[in-house]
Protein backbone atom coordinates (compact mmCIF):
# COMPACT_ATOMS: atom_id res chain seq x y z
CA MET A 1 15.86 -8.53 -19.21
CA THR A 2 12.89 -9.67 -17.18
CA GLN A 3 12.50 -13.39 -16.62
CA GLN A 4 9.45 -14.80 -18.33
CA ILE A 5 7.21 -17.19 -16.45
CA HIS A 6 5.07 -19.58 -18.46
CA PHE A 7 1.74 -20.87 -17.21
CA LYS A 8 -1.50 -22.24 -18.57
CA ILE A 9 -4.74 -20.32 -18.29
CA PRO A 10 -8.06 -22.13 -18.49
CA MET A 11 -9.95 -20.26 -21.19
CA PRO A 12 -13.57 -20.59 -22.27
CA ASP A 13 -14.00 -21.56 -25.93
CA ASP A 14 -15.57 -18.24 -26.90
CA VAL A 15 -12.65 -16.28 -25.42
CA ARG A 16 -10.09 -18.53 -27.16
CA GLN A 17 -11.95 -18.15 -30.47
CA TRP A 18 -12.00 -14.37 -30.07
CA LEU A 19 -8.28 -14.37 -29.28
CA ASP A 20 -7.58 -16.58 -32.29
CA ARG A 21 -9.23 -13.92 -34.48
CA ALA A 22 -7.99 -10.79 -32.68
CA ALA A 23 -4.29 -11.66 -32.39
CA PRO A 24 -3.59 -12.04 -36.12
CA ARG A 25 -5.53 -8.83 -36.87
CA ALA A 26 -3.15 -7.06 -34.48
CA GLU A 27 -0.20 -8.91 -36.06
CA ARG A 28 0.64 -10.61 -32.76
CA SER A 29 0.79 -14.15 -31.46
CA ARG A 30 -1.92 -15.14 -29.00
CA GLY A 31 0.50 -14.83 -26.10
CA ALA A 32 1.80 -11.45 -27.24
CA HIS A 33 -1.75 -10.17 -27.64
CA VAL A 34 -2.72 -11.30 -24.14
CA ILE A 35 0.36 -9.51 -22.76
CA PHE A 36 -0.51 -6.39 -24.77
CA LEU A 37 -4.05 -6.36 -23.37
CA LEU A 38 -2.85 -6.92 -19.81
CA ARG A 39 -0.34 -4.08 -20.13
CA GLN A 40 -3.14 -1.80 -21.37
CA GLU A 41 -5.10 -2.63 -18.23
CA MET A 42 -2.01 -1.99 -16.10
CA GLU A 43 -1.65 1.45 -17.68
CA LYS A 44 -5.34 2.24 -17.09
CA GLU A 45 -4.92 1.29 -13.44
CA LYS A 46 -1.76 3.38 -13.18
CA ALA A 47 -3.51 6.41 -14.71
CA SER A 48 -6.51 5.97 -12.44
CA ASP A 49 -4.35 5.61 -9.34
CA THR A 50 -2.24 8.63 -10.35
CA ALA A 51 -5.40 10.70 -10.72
CA LEU A 52 -6.42 9.62 -7.21
CA GLY A 53 -2.95 10.25 -5.78
CA LYS A 54 -2.19 6.55 -5.22
CA GLN A 55 0.71 4.43 -6.38
CA SER A 56 -0.27 1.07 -7.88
CA ASP A 57 1.79 -2.07 -8.48
CA ALA A 58 1.67 -1.30 -12.21
CA SER A 59 3.44 2.03 -11.62
CA GLN A 60 6.38 0.23 -10.05
CA GLN A 61 7.32 -1.54 -13.29
């Protein structure tokens, strides 16, 4: 199992309010939804890099 690191992220009010609405709609906690969204971005980067013949950090997970 991967070790989890906890940290605080300064977040503008409008982003926090959006997250407070979006996470429950996706049946996730705020933290789980942020991780989900970040993993989506990692996969996009991986797909883009693969198409260009590169290997990204996200592909090494």
